[in-house]
N, C-alpha and C. Protein backbone atom coordinates (compact mmCIF):
# COMPACT_ATOMS: atom_id res chain seq x y z
N MET A 1 -19.68 8.77 -3.11
CA MET A 1 -20.01 7.54 -2.87
C MET A 1 -18.50 6.89 -2.96
N THR A 2 -18.74 5.96 -1.65
CA THR A 2 -17.25 4.99 -1.97
C THR A 2 -17.10 3.94 -2.41
N ASN A 3 -15.74 4.20 -2.88
CA ASN A 3 -15.80 3.10 -4.39
C ASN A 3 -15.37 2.10 -3.79
N ARG A 4 -14.70 0.87 -5.03
CA ARG A 4 -14.19 -0.21 -4.27
C ARG A 4 -12.50 0.11 -3.87
N ARG A 5 -11.78 0.94 -4.09
CA ARG A 5 -10.58 0.93 -3.22
C ARG A 5 -10.89 1.11 -1.69
N GLU A 6 -11.67 2.30 -2.17
CA GLU A 6 -11.89 3.35 -0.92
C GLU A 6 -12.49 1.92 0.75
N VAL A 7 -12.92 0.98 0.30
CA VAL A 7 -13.92 -0.20 0.86
C VAL A 7 -12.96 -0.71 1.38
N LEU A 8 -11.88 -1.79 -0.33
CA LEU A 8 -10.67 -1.93 0.52
C LEU A 8 -9.88 -1.82 1.35
N GLN A 9 -9.50 -0.37 1.70
CA GLN A 9 -8.51 -0.17 2.33
C GLN A 9 -9.27 0.38 3.96
N MET A 10 -10.12 -0.02 3.74
CA MET A 10 -11.33 0.36 5.04
C MET A 10 -11.62 -1.00 5.67
N SER A 11 -11.28 -2.20 4.93
CA SER A 11 -11.52 -3.47 5.64
C SER A 11 -10.00 -4.05 6.13
N MET A 12 -8.65 -3.41 5.34
CA MET A 12 -7.27 -3.55 5.56
C MET A 12 -7.14 -3.22 7.06
N ALA A 13 -7.70 -1.98 6.78
CA ALA A 13 -7.62 -1.46 8.09
C ALA A 13 -7.93 -1.98 9.82
N VAL A 14 -9.21 -2.15 9.39
CA VAL A 14 -9.54 -3.21 10.41
C VAL A 14 -9.42 -4.46 10.84
N THR A 15 -8.31 -4.87 9.48
CA THR A 15 -7.47 -5.55 9.95
C THR A 15 -6.51 -5.65 10.44
N LEU A 16 -6.22 -4.85 10.19
CA LEU A 16 -4.97 -4.52 10.65
C LEU A 16 -5.07 -4.35 12.39
N ALA A 17 -5.81 -3.74 12.61
CA ALA A 17 -5.82 -2.76 13.99
C ALA A 17 -6.02 -3.98 14.71
N SER A 18 -6.64 -5.84 14.64
CA SER A 18 -7.13 -6.59 15.36
C SER A 18 -5.43 -7.55 15.93
N LEU A 19 -4.85 -6.81 14.68
CA LEU A 19 -3.36 -7.15 14.81
C LEU A 19 -2.76 -6.57 16.32
N ASP A 20 -2.15 -7.16 16.94
CA ASP A 20 -0.94 -6.71 18.18
C ASP A 20 -0.04 -5.47 17.27
N ALA A 21 0.08 -4.86 18.04
CA ALA A 21 1.15 -4.17 17.25
C ALA A 21 2.99 -4.17 17.25
N ALA A 22 2.59 -5.56 18.19
CA ALA A 22 4.43 -5.47 17.73
C ALA A 22 4.33 -7.15 17.34
N THR A 23 3.11 -7.29 16.50
CA THR A 23 3.32 -8.45 14.85
C THR A 23 4.31 -8.00 13.78
N ALA A 24 5.53 -8.64 13.47
CA ALA A 24 6.38 -8.67 12.96
C ALA A 24 6.83 -9.80 11.53
N TRP A 25 7.36 -9.67 10.69
CA TRP A 25 8.01 -10.70 10.53
C TRP A 25 8.33 -11.75 11.03
N ALA A 26 7.46 -13.24 10.73
CA ALA A 26 7.82 -13.98 11.04
C ALA A 26 8.56 -15.61 10.11
N ALA A 27 8.50 -16.38 10.46
CA ALA A 27 8.96 -17.82 9.30
C ALA A 27 8.38 -18.15 8.68
N PRO A 28 8.42 -18.43 7.30
CA PRO A 28 7.54 -19.56 6.24
C PRO A 28 7.27 -20.80 7.09
N SER A 29 6.40 -21.02 5.63
CA SER A 29 5.58 -21.82 6.04
C SER A 29 7.17 -23.55 6.79
N GLY A 30 7.23 -23.62 7.35
CA GLY A 30 7.99 -25.26 7.68
C GLY A 30 8.48 -24.44 9.57
N GLY A 31 8.41 -23.25 9.56
CA GLY A 31 8.97 -22.20 10.92
C GLY A 31 8.37 -22.97 11.69
N THR A 32 8.78 -22.00 12.88
CA THR A 32 8.37 -22.39 14.71
C THR A 32 6.38 -21.82 14.28
N GLY A 33 6.35 -20.89 13.64
CA GLY A 33 5.07 -19.91 13.45
C GLY A 33 4.83 -19.01 14.56
N ARG A 34 6.13 -18.76 15.24
CA ARG A 34 6.09 -17.70 16.89
C ARG A 34 6.96 -16.09 15.95
N ASP A 35 6.01 -15.11 15.57
CA ASP A 35 6.32 -14.06 15.31
C ASP A 35 7.35 -13.74 16.05
N ALA A 36 8.80 -12.48 14.70
CA ALA A 36 10.33 -13.02 15.17
C ALA A 36 9.89 -11.13 15.31
N PRO A 37 11.16 -10.34 16.30
CA PRO A 37 10.81 -9.44 16.94
C PRO A 37 10.78 -7.94 15.55
N ALA A 38 9.98 -7.59 15.46
CA ALA A 38 9.88 -6.44 14.79
C ALA A 38 11.00 -5.83 14.18
N ALA A 39 10.74 -6.19 12.77
CA ALA A 39 11.57 -5.68 11.70
C ALA A 39 11.27 -4.87 10.36
N PRO A 40 11.06 -3.60 10.31
CA PRO A 40 11.32 -2.80 9.62
C PRO A 40 12.08 -2.84 8.23
N LEU A 41 11.68 -2.58 7.57
CA LEU A 41 12.39 -2.76 6.04
C LEU A 41 13.68 -1.62 6.32
N TYR A 42 14.32 -2.23 5.78
CA TYR A 42 16.31 -1.51 5.89
C TYR A 42 16.15 -1.13 4.73
N THR A 43 15.33 -1.20 3.61
CA THR A 43 15.25 -0.92 2.00
C THR A 43 14.46 -1.32 1.14
N ALA A 44 14.53 -0.86 0.13
CA ALA A 44 13.31 -1.51 -0.65
C ALA A 44 13.88 -1.35 -1.98
N LEU A 45 14.51 -2.10 -3.43
CA LEU A 45 15.19 -1.85 -4.18
C LEU A 45 14.27 -2.46 -5.51
N TYR A 46 14.10 -1.32 -6.37
CA TYR A 46 13.58 -1.53 -7.61
C TYR A 46 14.25 -1.41 -9.42
N ASP A 47 14.00 -1.90 -10.39
CA ASP A 47 14.80 -1.99 -11.46
C ASP A 47 14.28 -0.63 -12.34
N ALA A 48 14.94 0.49 -12.39
CA ALA A 48 14.60 1.90 -13.08
C ALA A 48 13.69 1.59 -14.43
N ARG A 49 14.66 0.27 -15.24
CA ARG A 49 14.29 0.21 -16.57
C ARG A 49 12.93 0.15 -16.66
N PHE A 50 11.43 -0.06 -15.67
CA PHE A 50 10.60 -1.46 -16.03
C PHE A 50 9.03 0.63 -14.87
N ALA A 51 8.62 0.29 -15.55
CA ALA A 51 7.64 2.01 -15.09
C ALA A 51 6.65 0.90 -13.94
N ALA A 52 6.53 -0.10 -13.57
CA ALA A 52 5.94 -1.34 -12.66
C ALA A 52 7.08 -1.02 -11.55
N SER A 53 8.29 -1.13 -11.79
CA SER A 53 9.15 -1.02 -10.04
C SER A 53 9.63 0.34 -10.42
N ARG A 54 9.48 1.26 -10.62
CA ARG A 54 9.71 2.61 -10.92
C ARG A 54 8.09 3.35 -9.31
N VAL A 55 7.23 2.53 -9.99
CA VAL A 55 5.74 2.81 -9.04
C VAL A 55 6.11 2.40 -7.84
N PHE A 56 6.70 0.81 -7.77
CA PHE A 56 6.86 0.36 -6.41
C PHE A 56 7.94 1.29 -5.53
N GLY A 57 9.38 2.03 -7.04
CA GLY A 57 10.23 2.37 -5.40
C GLY A 57 9.44 4.07 -5.08
N GLU A 58 9.16 4.58 -5.98
CA GLU A 58 8.81 6.02 -5.55
C GLU A 58 7.38 5.61 -4.59
N ARG A 59 6.63 4.85 -4.34
CA ARG A 59 5.70 4.97 -3.66
C ARG A 59 5.82 4.24 -2.22
N MET A 60 7.38 3.76 -2.32
CA MET A 60 8.01 2.88 -0.84
C MET A 60 8.65 4.39 -0.56
N ALA A 61 9.41 4.92 -0.98
CA ALA A 61 9.95 6.19 -0.84
C ALA A 61 8.29 7.21 0.09
N ALA A 62 7.72 7.63 -0.50
CA ALA A 62 6.99 8.51 -0.20
C ALA A 62 6.02 7.78 1.15
N GLN A 63 6.70 6.40 1.64
CA GLN A 63 6.53 6.27 2.64
C GLN A 63 7.41 6.11 3.87
N GLY A 64 8.26 6.44 3.45
CA GLY A 64 10.28 6.97 4.45
C GLY A 64 10.72 5.59 4.54
N VAL A 65 10.39 4.97 3.42
CA VAL A 65 11.31 3.73 3.75
C VAL A 65 12.82 4.00 2.51
N THR A 66 14.09 3.62 2.19
CA THR A 66 15.03 4.21 1.59
C THR A 66 14.86 3.08 1.21
N THR A 67 15.19 4.09 -0.10
CA THR A 67 14.81 3.26 -1.54
C THR A 67 16.59 3.03 -2.35
N ALA A 68 16.57 2.09 -3.38
CA ALA A 68 18.10 1.54 -3.94
C ALA A 68 17.52 1.14 -4.87
N ALA A 69 17.69 2.33 -6.08
CA ALA A 69 18.13 1.59 -7.91
C ALA A 69 19.04 0.67 -8.24
N LEU A 70 18.34 -0.13 -8.84
CA LEU A 70 19.50 -1.07 -9.06
C LEU A 70 19.82 -0.84 -10.72
N ALA A 71 21.15 -0.28 -10.82
CA ALA A 71 21.88 -0.38 -12.35
C ALA A 71 21.48 -0.96 -13.23
N ASP A 72 21.23 -1.51 -14.45
CA ASP A 72 20.69 -1.89 -14.86
C ASP A 72 20.13 -3.47 -14.15
N GLY A 73 19.36 -4.06 -13.52
CA GLY A 73 19.01 -5.04 -12.74
C GLY A 73 20.29 -5.53 -12.38
N ASP A 74 21.12 -5.44 -11.79
CA ASP A 74 22.35 -5.57 -11.25
C ASP A 74 22.27 -5.13 -9.28
N MET A 75 22.25 -6.06 -8.88
CA MET A 75 22.54 -5.51 -7.48
C MET A 75 23.88 -5.80 -6.88
N THR A 76 24.81 -5.94 -7.82
CA THR A 76 26.31 -6.14 -7.36
C THR A 76 26.58 -5.43 -6.55
N ALA A 77 26.11 -3.95 -7.01
CA ALA A 77 26.89 -2.30 -6.11
C ALA A 77 26.82 -2.19 -5.11
N LEU A 78 25.21 -2.71 -4.91
CA LEU A 78 24.61 -2.70 -3.67
C LEU A 78 24.77 -3.64 -2.24
N TRP A 79 25.21 -4.60 -3.05
CA TRP A 79 25.79 -5.58 -2.11
C TRP A 79 26.98 -5.58 -1.67
N TYR A 80 27.83 -5.49 -2.48
CA TYR A 80 29.25 -5.36 -1.99
C TYR A 80 29.82 -3.73 -1.02
N ASN A 81 28.66 -3.05 -1.58
CA ASN A 81 28.86 -1.48 -1.14
C ASN A 81 27.96 -0.92 -0.17
N ASN A 82 26.81 -1.84 0.66
CA ASN A 82 26.09 -1.42 1.47
C ASN A 82 25.65 -2.52 2.23
N LEU A 83 24.54 -3.87 1.55
CA LEU A 83 24.15 -4.65 2.23
C LEU A 83 24.87 -5.58 2.88
N HIS A 84 25.93 -5.93 1.97
CA HIS A 84 26.79 -7.13 2.72
C HIS A 84 27.11 -7.15 4.27
N PHE A 85 27.67 -5.04 4.20
CA PHE A 85 28.19 -5.04 5.34
C PHE A 85 27.06 -4.57 6.84
N ARG A 86 25.87 -4.35 5.72
CA ARG A 86 24.79 -4.29 6.82
C ARG A 86 24.25 -5.67 7.36
N TRP A 87 24.37 -6.28 6.68
CA TRP A 87 23.37 -7.91 7.15
C TRP A 87 24.72 -8.73 8.10
N ARG A 88 26.12 -8.32 8.24
CA ARG A 88 27.45 -8.28 8.83
C ARG A 88 27.07 -8.25 10.14
N GLU A 89 26.57 -7.13 10.31
CA GLU A 89 25.97 -6.38 11.21
C GLU A 89 24.68 -7.33 12.34
N GLY A 90 23.64 -7.80 11.54
CA GLY A 90 22.31 -8.64 11.97
C GLY A 90 21.55 -8.71 10.95
N PRO A 91 20.81 -9.54 10.49
CA PRO A 91 19.70 -9.76 9.64
C PRO A 91 18.63 -8.53 9.86
N VAL A 92 18.19 -7.73 8.48
CA VAL A 92 17.42 -7.12 8.60
C VAL A 92 16.19 -6.79 7.36
N ALA A 93 15.09 -6.75 7.42
CA ALA A 93 14.29 -6.96 6.08
C ALA A 93 14.91 -6.41 5.27
N ILE A 94 14.41 -6.52 3.75
CA ILE A 94 14.76 -6.12 2.48
C ILE A 94 13.22 -6.16 1.86
N ALA A 95 12.79 -5.71 0.92
CA ALA A 95 11.82 -6.13 -0.11
C ALA A 95 12.61 -5.58 -1.38
N GLY A 96 11.72 -5.25 -2.62
CA GLY A 96 11.43 -5.34 -3.83
C GLY A 96 10.78 -5.63 -5.33
N LEU A 97 10.75 -5.20 -6.45
CA LEU A 97 9.98 -5.18 -7.19
C LEU A 97 11.32 -5.28 -8.54
N THR A 98 11.61 -6.28 -8.91
CA THR A 98 12.71 -6.55 -9.55
C THR A 98 12.40 -7.63 -10.65
N THR A 99 13.52 -7.94 -11.68
CA THR A 99 13.58 -9.17 -12.09
C THR A 99 13.76 -10.25 -11.47
N ARG A 100 14.08 -11.45 -12.28
CA ARG A 100 14.37 -12.54 -11.38
C ARG A 100 16.05 -12.55 -10.92
N GLY A 101 16.85 -11.76 -11.39
CA GLY A 101 18.24 -12.74 -11.41
C GLY A 101 19.17 -11.29 -9.92
N PRO A 102 18.32 -10.45 -9.83
CA PRO A 102 18.25 -9.85 -8.04
C PRO A 102 17.77 -10.82 -7.20
N LEU A 103 16.76 -10.96 -7.10
CA LEU A 103 16.04 -11.81 -5.78
C LEU A 103 17.16 -13.32 -5.82
N PHE A 104 17.00 -14.35 -7.42
CA PHE A 104 17.60 -15.25 -7.27
C PHE A 104 18.89 -14.75 -6.01
N CYS A 105 19.51 -14.19 -6.87
CA CYS A 105 21.26 -13.46 -6.00
C CYS A 105 20.91 -13.35 -4.03
N LEU A 106 20.01 -12.38 -3.75
CA LEU A 106 19.43 -12.11 -2.67
C LEU A 106 19.21 -13.32 -1.77
N GLU A 107 18.48 -13.65 -2.68
CA GLU A 107 17.64 -15.08 -1.84
C GLU A 107 18.91 -16.17 -0.99
N GLN A 108 19.14 -16.29 -1.87
CA GLN A 108 21.29 -17.57 -1.70
C GLN A 108 21.61 -16.88 -0.66
N LEU A 109 22.42 -15.73 -0.59
CA LEU A 109 22.92 -15.00 0.00
C LEU A 109 21.97 -14.88 1.87
N ALA A 110 20.83 -14.06 1.87
CA ALA A 110 20.29 -13.84 2.90
C ALA A 110 20.14 -15.74 3.68
N TRP A 111 20.31 -16.62 3.06
CA TRP A 111 20.71 -17.74 3.87
C TRP A 111 21.40 -17.87 5.16
N ASP A 112 22.35 -17.51 4.70
CA ASP A 112 23.93 -16.98 5.19
C ASP A 112 23.48 -16.56 6.57
N HIS A 113 22.66 -15.74 6.88
CA HIS A 113 22.29 -14.32 7.67
C HIS A 113 20.84 -14.81 8.35
N GLY A 114 20.47 -15.68 7.93
CA GLY A 114 19.46 -16.19 8.65
C GLY A 114 17.98 -15.38 8.50
N MET A 115 17.91 -15.51 7.46
CA MET A 115 17.12 -14.64 6.41
C MET A 115 16.39 -15.53 5.37
N ARG A 116 15.07 -15.39 4.72
CA ARG A 116 14.60 -16.02 3.88
C ARG A 116 13.15 -15.34 2.98
N VAL A 117 13.22 -15.87 1.81
CA VAL A 117 11.42 -15.05 1.24
C VAL A 117 10.75 -15.24 2.08
N VAL A 118 9.92 -14.24 2.31
CA VAL A 118 8.70 -14.59 3.07
C VAL A 118 7.75 -14.06 2.41
N PHE A 119 7.41 -13.37 1.31
CA PHE A 119 6.32 -13.28 0.65
C PHE A 119 7.05 -13.06 -0.66
N ARG A 120 6.44 -13.63 -2.07
CA ARG A 120 7.13 -13.34 -3.32
C ARG A 120 5.65 -13.95 -4.12
N ALA A 121 5.71 -12.48 -5.32
CA ALA A 121 4.70 -12.70 -6.28
C ALA A 121 5.46 -12.42 -7.48
N GLN A 122 4.98 -12.75 -8.33
CA GLN A 122 5.76 -13.01 -9.96
C GLN A 122 4.44 -12.54 -10.86
N HIS A 123 5.27 -11.95 -11.69
CA HIS A 123 3.75 -10.78 -12.25
C HIS A 123 4.23 -11.15 -13.99
N ALA A 124 3.74 -11.18 -14.61
CA ALA A 124 4.19 -11.95 -16.21
C ALA A 124 2.33 -11.08 -17.33
N SER A 125 2.64 -10.59 -18.30
CA SER A 125 2.20 -10.31 -19.27
C SER A 125 1.54 -11.23 -19.50
N ALA A 126 0.14 -11.18 -20.25
CA ALA A 126 -0.97 -11.82 -20.63
C ALA A 126 -1.00 -11.63 -22.08
N ARG A 127 -1.49 -12.45 -23.19
CA ARG A 127 -1.82 -11.93 -24.09
C ARG A 127 -2.84 -11.08 -24.41
N ASP A 128 -4.21 -10.63 -23.34
CA ASP A 128 -4.48 -10.33 -23.17
C ASP A 128 -4.67 -8.93 -23.27
N GLY A 129 -3.57 -8.51 -22.36
CA GLY A 129 -2.93 -7.03 -22.24
C GLY A 129 -3.01 -7.04 -20.78
N SER A 130 -3.57 -8.40 -20.36
CA SER A 130 -3.47 -7.94 -18.50
C SER A 130 -2.51 -8.46 -18.02
N ILE A 131 -2.59 -8.29 -16.88
CA ILE A 131 -1.26 -8.86 -15.80
C ILE A 131 -1.59 -10.44 -14.77
N LEU A 132 -0.83 -11.29 -15.09
CA LEU A 132 -0.66 -12.40 -14.10
C LEU A 132 -0.24 -12.76 -13.41
N HIS A 133 -0.86 -12.66 -12.16
CA HIS A 133 0.42 -12.43 -10.45
C HIS A 133 -0.12 -13.54 -9.53
N GLU A 134 1.24 -14.11 -9.73
CA GLU A 134 1.46 -15.78 -8.97
C GLU A 134 1.69 -15.16 -7.71
N ILE A 135 0.83 -15.63 -6.24
CA ILE A 135 1.47 -14.77 -5.33
C ILE A 135 1.55 -16.10 -4.11
N GLU A 136 2.48 -15.97 -3.05
CA GLU A 136 3.04 -16.92 -2.22
C GLU A 136 3.04 -16.13 -1.30
N GLY A 137 2.44 -15.98 -0.15
CA GLY A 137 3.00 -16.34 1.11
C GLY A 137 2.07 -16.36 2.31
N ALA A 138 2.24 -15.58 3.37
CA ALA A 138 1.13 -15.66 4.57
C ALA A 138 0.92 -14.64 4.75
N GLY A 139 -0.26 -14.96 6.27
CA GLY A 139 -0.90 -14.15 6.93
C GLY A 139 -1.27 -13.10 6.31
N VAL A 140 -1.45 -11.47 6.78
CA VAL A 140 -1.94 -10.40 7.01
C VAL A 140 -1.27 -9.88 5.74
N LEU A 141 -0.49 -9.66 4.80
CA LEU A 141 0.31 -9.29 3.60
C LEU A 141 -0.41 -9.71 2.67
N MET A 142 -0.38 -11.50 2.67
CA MET A 142 -1.02 -12.26 1.85
C MET A 142 -2.34 -11.91 1.53
N ASP A 143 -3.08 -12.09 3.01
CA ASP A 143 -4.17 -11.54 2.36
C ASP A 143 -4.92 -10.16 1.72
N VAL A 144 -3.69 -9.43 1.53
CA VAL A 144 -3.91 -8.04 1.41
C VAL A 144 -3.57 -7.86 0.24
N ALA A 145 -2.74 -9.00 -0.40
CA ALA A 145 -1.65 -8.41 -1.36
C ALA A 145 -2.51 -9.03 -2.80
N ARG A 146 -3.41 -10.28 -2.25
CA ARG A 146 -3.88 -10.73 -3.07
C ARG A 146 -5.29 -10.11 -3.71
N HIS A 147 -5.79 -8.84 -2.95
CA HIS A 147 -7.00 -8.01 -2.96
C HIS A 147 -6.41 -6.90 -4.19
N VAL A 148 -4.86 -5.86 -3.33
CA VAL A 148 -4.62 -4.75 -4.31
C VAL A 148 -4.14 -5.58 -5.94
N ALA A 149 -3.53 -6.71 -6.07
CA ALA A 149 -2.98 -7.07 -6.90
C ALA A 149 -3.99 -7.14 -7.98
N ALA A 150 -5.39 -7.06 -7.83
CA ALA A 150 -6.24 -7.12 -8.96
C ALA A 150 -6.85 -5.61 -9.46
N GLU A 151 -6.27 -4.68 -8.60
CA GLU A 151 -6.59 -3.04 -8.95
C GLU A 151 -5.80 -3.02 -10.06
N ASP A 152 -5.78 -1.95 -10.91
CA ASP A 152 -4.93 -1.04 -11.68
C ASP A 152 -4.23 -0.68 -11.22
N GLY A 153 -3.95 0.01 -10.23
CA GLY A 153 -3.16 0.09 -9.73
C GLY A 153 -1.95 -0.96 -8.75
N TRP A 154 -1.84 -1.97 -9.27
CA TRP A 154 -1.02 -2.70 -8.57
C TRP A 154 0.06 -2.82 -8.15
N ALA A 155 0.76 -2.38 -8.82
CA ALA A 155 2.22 -2.35 -8.27
C ALA A 155 2.84 -0.71 -7.09
N ALA A 156 1.88 0.17 -7.25
CA ALA A 156 1.30 0.81 -5.78
C ALA A 156 0.94 0.38 -4.91
N GLY A 157 -0.09 -0.47 -4.97
CA GLY A 157 -0.48 -1.26 -4.30
C GLY A 157 0.24 -2.61 -3.34
N LEU A 158 0.90 -3.32 -4.28
CA LEU A 158 1.71 -3.87 -3.28
C LEU A 158 2.68 -3.07 -2.57
N SER A 159 3.45 -2.09 -3.26
CA SER A 159 3.96 -1.60 -2.38
C SER A 159 3.62 -1.11 -1.12
N ASP A 160 2.23 -0.45 -0.87
CA ASP A 160 1.89 -0.44 -0.03
C ASP A 160 1.24 -1.44 1.18
N ALA A 161 1.14 -2.64 0.68
CA ALA A 161 1.21 -4.12 1.56
C ALA A 161 2.45 -4.41 1.73
N ILE A 162 2.94 -4.64 1.33
CA ILE A 162 4.80 -4.61 1.10
C ILE A 162 5.00 -3.88 2.89
N GLY A 163 4.54 -2.19 2.53
CA GLY A 163 5.22 -1.21 3.43
C GLY A 163 4.70 -1.18 4.72
N HIS A 164 4.01 -1.39 5.03
CA HIS A 164 2.80 -0.91 5.80
C HIS A 164 1.76 -2.66 6.61
N TYR A 165 1.61 -3.74 6.00
CA TYR A 165 1.49 -4.79 6.41
C TYR A 165 2.64 -5.97 6.94
N SER A 166 2.21 -6.48 8.57
CA SER A 166 2.69 -7.19 8.88
C SER A 166 2.63 -9.15 8.25
N HIS A 167 3.62 -9.60 7.98
CA HIS A 167 3.43 -10.92 7.73
C HIS A 167 3.56 -11.63 8.89
N THR A 168 2.45 -12.70 9.41
CA THR A 168 2.32 -13.22 10.92
C THR A 168 2.36 -14.92 10.26
N GLY A 169 2.06 -15.26 11.46
CA GLY A 169 2.90 -17.22 11.30
C GLY A 169 1.82 -18.00 10.25
N GLY A 170 1.71 -18.77 9.66
CA GLY A 170 1.08 -19.54 9.42
C GLY A 170 1.15 -20.11 7.83
N ALA A 171 0.65 -21.13 7.78
CA ALA A 171 1.20 -21.32 6.60
C ALA A 171 1.21 -21.04 5.24
N LYS A 172 1.99 -20.99 4.35
CA LYS A 172 2.18 -20.60 3.10
C LYS A 172 1.34 -20.52 2.35
N THR A 173 0.34 -19.84 1.19
CA THR A 173 -0.58 -20.47 0.39
C THR A 173 0.00 -19.21 -0.77
N ARG A 174 -1.18 -19.65 -1.94
CA ARG A 174 -0.43 -19.53 -3.28
C ARG A 174 -1.90 -19.14 -4.07
N VAL A 175 -1.95 -18.37 -4.76
CA VAL A 175 -2.76 -17.98 -5.45
C VAL A 175 -2.71 -17.04 -6.92
N GLN A 176 -3.38 -16.85 -7.75
CA GLN A 176 -3.07 -16.68 -8.70
C GLN A 176 -4.20 -15.50 -9.38
N VAL A 177 -4.18 -13.88 -9.27
CA VAL A 177 -4.94 -13.15 -9.74
C VAL A 177 -4.82 -12.41 -10.77
N HIS A 178 -5.84 -12.11 -11.61
CA HIS A 178 -5.32 -11.06 -12.61
C HIS A 178 -5.54 -9.82 -12.37
N THR A 179 -5.03 -9.20 -13.20
CA THR A 179 -5.16 -7.01 -13.10
C THR A 179 -5.53 -6.96 -15.03
N ALA A 180 -6.84 -6.71 -15.03
CA ALA A 180 -8.18 -6.85 -16.05
C ALA A 180 -7.25 -5.57 -16.92
N ARG A 181 -7.00 -4.34 -16.13
CA ARG A 181 -6.42 -2.64 -16.34
C ARG A 181 -5.50 -2.05 -15.64
N PRO A 182 -4.48 -2.85 -16.36
CA PRO A 182 -2.97 -2.57 -15.28
C PRO A 182 -3.16 -0.95 -15.83
N ALA A 183 -2.82 -0.25 -14.64
CA ALA A 183 -1.70 1.02 -14.86
C ALA A 183 -0.46 1.50 -15.52
N VAL A 184 0.34 0.19 -14.83
CA VAL A 184 1.66 -0.26 -15.34
C VAL A 184 1.58 -1.58 -15.47
N GLN A 185 2.10 -1.82 -17.09
CA GLN A 185 2.65 -3.05 -17.71
C GLN A 185 3.67 -3.29 -17.27
N VAL A 186 3.83 -5.03 -17.64
CA VAL A 186 5.06 -5.73 -17.33
C VAL A 186 5.19 -6.32 -19.14
N PRO A 187 7.00 -5.65 -18.72
CA PRO A 187 7.19 -5.98 -20.69
C PRO A 187 6.75 -7.47 -20.84
N GLU A 188 6.66 -7.40 -22.56
CA GLU A 188 5.90 -8.37 -22.51
C GLU A 188 7.29 -10.10 -22.30
N ASP A 189 8.67 -9.86 -22.71
CA ASP A 189 9.80 -10.54 -22.63
C ASP A 189 10.14 -10.42 -21.09
N GLU A 190 9.75 -10.12 -20.25
CA GLU A 190 10.36 -10.06 -18.89
C GLU A 190 9.57 -10.65 -17.98
N MET A 191 10.06 -11.01 -16.08
CA MET A 191 8.78 -11.22 -15.68
C MET A 191 9.12 -10.17 -14.81
N LEU A 192 8.92 -9.63 -13.92
CA LEU A 192 9.07 -8.63 -12.08
C LEU A 192 8.76 -9.57 -11.18
N PHE A 193 9.32 -9.84 -10.38
CA PHE A 193 9.17 -9.99 -8.94
C PHE A 193 8.58 -9.12 -7.94
N SER A 194 7.82 -9.50 -7.11
CA SER A 194 7.47 -8.80 -6.09
C SER A 194 7.66 -9.02 -5.00
N TRP A 195 8.97 -8.70 -3.75
CA TRP A 195 9.47 -10.24 -2.76
C TRP A 195 9.30 -9.37 -1.49
N VAL A 196 9.84 -9.57 -0.48
CA VAL A 196 10.39 -9.64 0.94
C VAL A 196 10.92 -10.44 1.42
N ILE A 197 12.14 -10.32 1.75
CA ILE A 197 13.39 -10.89 2.50
C ILE A 197 13.36 -10.36 3.62
N ALA A 198 12.60 -11.53 5.05
CA ALA A 198 13.41 -11.17 6.01
C ALA A 198 13.50 -12.10 7.40
N PRO A 199 14.25 -11.94 8.37
CA PRO A 199 14.61 -12.32 9.73
C PRO A 199 13.68 -14.06 9.70
N VAL A 200 14.17 -15.12 9.50
CA VAL A 200 12.90 -16.13 10.03
C VAL A 200 12.67 -16.05 12.11
N ALA A 201 11.63 -16.42 12.05
CA ALA A 201 11.53 -16.82 13.87
C ALA A 201 12.55 -18.36 14.08
N ARG A 202 13.08 -17.97 14.90
CA ARG A 202 13.61 -19.54 15.51
C ARG A 202 12.92 -19.87 16.85
N SER A 203 12.89 -21.23 16.92
CA SER A 203 12.86 -22.23 18.20
C SER A 203 13.22 -21.66 19.59
């Protein structure tokens, strides 16, 4: 019998099939709305201290995406030894499931290289044991993310969504989604963020 997850996967496949194969990361709200050239993920960051983040990183690696574990949540070594030099060559998209600090720093650094946060989801533990996700984005990625975030395996689902689905043009929207029975929790004293930083389309 087909279960809910299989139905969701089939519906996502149909949605993706309707898109042009060349569709890629595009400008966030306020941009031109045009699609940017294809920009596969250069790397995916995860914080090895947190189970949800480890699941995200493992799933990204299984998709063939290069991953980087942040020691104690610090992205300094990654920046000075890798990403700084790569972004000087040209903008490339990156993603992650981290705490607020690395996202904030990378968001600021990305501005100088013509990139912006095109997708962001905040994950916080609720008192009843569920997880509250506040998701902001646009296009197919946003549509898929709002559904997989409600699933028990939300961290793996978001990794799949970010790794496989394109961000198309359009105004950003923001939604709240609950995971009632999460397979992996978010620490009560820490919020986690899944995100994508990508080149923005130019007029």
